[in-house]
C-alpha atoms as a PDB file:
ATOM      1  CA  UNK A   1     172.272 119.672  40.315  1.00  0.00           C
ATOM      2  CA  UNK A   2     173.682 122.960  41.561  1.00  0.00           C
ATOM      3  CA  UNK A   3     171.305 125.757  42.383  1.00  0.00           C
ATOM      4  CA  UNK A   4     171.964 129.468  42.040  1.00  0.00           C
ATOM      5  CA  UNK A   5     172.566 130.007  45.759  1.00  0.00           C
ATOM      6  CA  UNK A   6     175.336 127.399  45.936  1.00  0.00           C
ATOM      7  CA  UNK A   7     176.976 128.828  42.817  1.00  0.00           C
ATOM      8  CA  UNK A   8     176.942 132.308  44.328  1.00  0.00           C
ATOM      9  CA  UNK A   9     178.360 130.993  47.609  1.00  0.00           C
ATOM     10  CA  UNK A  10     181.068 129.107  45.696  1.00  0.00           C
ATOM     11  CA  UNK A  11     182.062 132.217  43.781  1.00  0.00           C
ATOM     12  CA  UNK A  12     182.129 134.289  46.972  1.00  0.00           C
ATOM     13  CA  UNK A  13     184.397 131.682  48.588  1.00  0.00           C
ATOM     14  CA  UNK A  14     186.794 131.801  45.623  1.00  0.00           C
ATOM     15  CA  UNK A  15     186.967 135.600  45.790  1.00  0.00           C
ATOM     16  CA  UNK A  16     187.580 135.437  49.542  1.00  0.00           C
ATOM     17  CA  UNK A  17     190.377 132.911  48.987  1.00  0.00           C
ATOM     18  CA  UNK A  18     191.889 135.265  46.390  1.00  0.00           C
ATOM     19  CA  UNK A  19     191.844 138.150  48.872  1.00  0.00           C
ATOM     20  CA  UNK A  20     193.513 136.002  51.550  1.00  0.00           C
ATOM     21  CA  UNK A  21     196.192 134.792  49.118  1.00  0.00           C
ATOM     22  CA  UNK A  22     196.764 138.348  47.961  1.00  0.00           C
ATOM     23  CA  UNK A  23     197.679 139.266  51.552  1.00  0.00           C
ATOM     24  CA  UNK A  24     200.598 136.842  51.310  1.00  0.00           C
ATOM     25  CA  UNK A  25     201.620 138.084  47.836  1.00  0.00           C
ATOM     26  CA  UNK A  26     200.418 134.822  46.301  1.00  0.00           C
ATOM     27  CA  UNK A  27     197.346 136.401  44.742  1.00  0.00           C
ATOM     28  CA  UNK A  28     198.978 137.173  41.428  1.00  0.00           C
ATOM     29  CA  UNK A  29     199.483 133.539  40.433  1.00  0.00           C
ATOM     30  CA  UNK A  30     196.793 131.701  42.390  1.00  0.00           C
ATOM     31  CA  UNK A  31     194.301 134.541  42.098  1.00  0.00           C
ATOM     32  CA  UNK A  32     194.398 134.562  38.308  1.00  0.00           C
ATOM     33  CA  UNK A  33     194.037 130.772  38.290  1.00  0.00           C
ATOM     34  CA  UNK A  34     191.072 130.786  40.701  1.00  0.00           C
ATOM     35  CA  UNK A  35     189.329 133.669  38.954  1.00  0.00           C
ATOM     36  CA  UNK A  36     189.681 131.895  35.597  1.00  0.00           C
ATOM     37  CA  UNK A  37     187.986 128.863  37.182  1.00  0.00           C
ATOM     38  CA  UNK A  38     185.168 131.103  38.464  1.00  0.00           C
ATOM     39  CA  UNK A  39     184.667 132.600  35.004  1.00  0.00           C
ATOM     40  CA  UNK A  40     184.544 129.121  33.463  1.00  0.00           C
ATOM     41  CA  UNK A  41     182.038 127.928  36.062  1.00  0.00           C
ATOM     42  CA  UNK A  42     179.817 130.994  35.599  1.00  0.00           C
ATOM     43  CA  UNK A  43     179.909 130.572  31.828  1.00  0.00           C
ATOM     44  CA  UNK A  44     179.143 126.853  32.023  1.00  0.00           C
ATOM     45  CA  UNK A  45     176.219 127.110  34.438  1.00  0.00           C
ATOM     46  CA  UNK A  46     174.838 130.249  32.817  1.00  0.00           C
ATOM     47  CA  UNK A  47     174.783 128.379  29.510  1.00  0.00           C
ATOM     48  CA  UNK A  48     173.039 125.395  31.070  1.00  0.00           C
ATOM     49  CA  UNK A  49     170.516 127.078  33.361  1.00  0.00           C
ATOM     50  CA  UNK A  50     169.767 130.535  31.914  1.00  0.00           C
END
């Protein structure tokens, strides 16, 4: 069962990955994909735990 801290750390890691990929001009494709995953995760866990 994921806690709020791990979810926040996971989201921060995804954003950091997006920034790194954006440096190599890969952020447009991979960044949109990763951010959509983050939004889905936030929506899912917010619905379950809040």
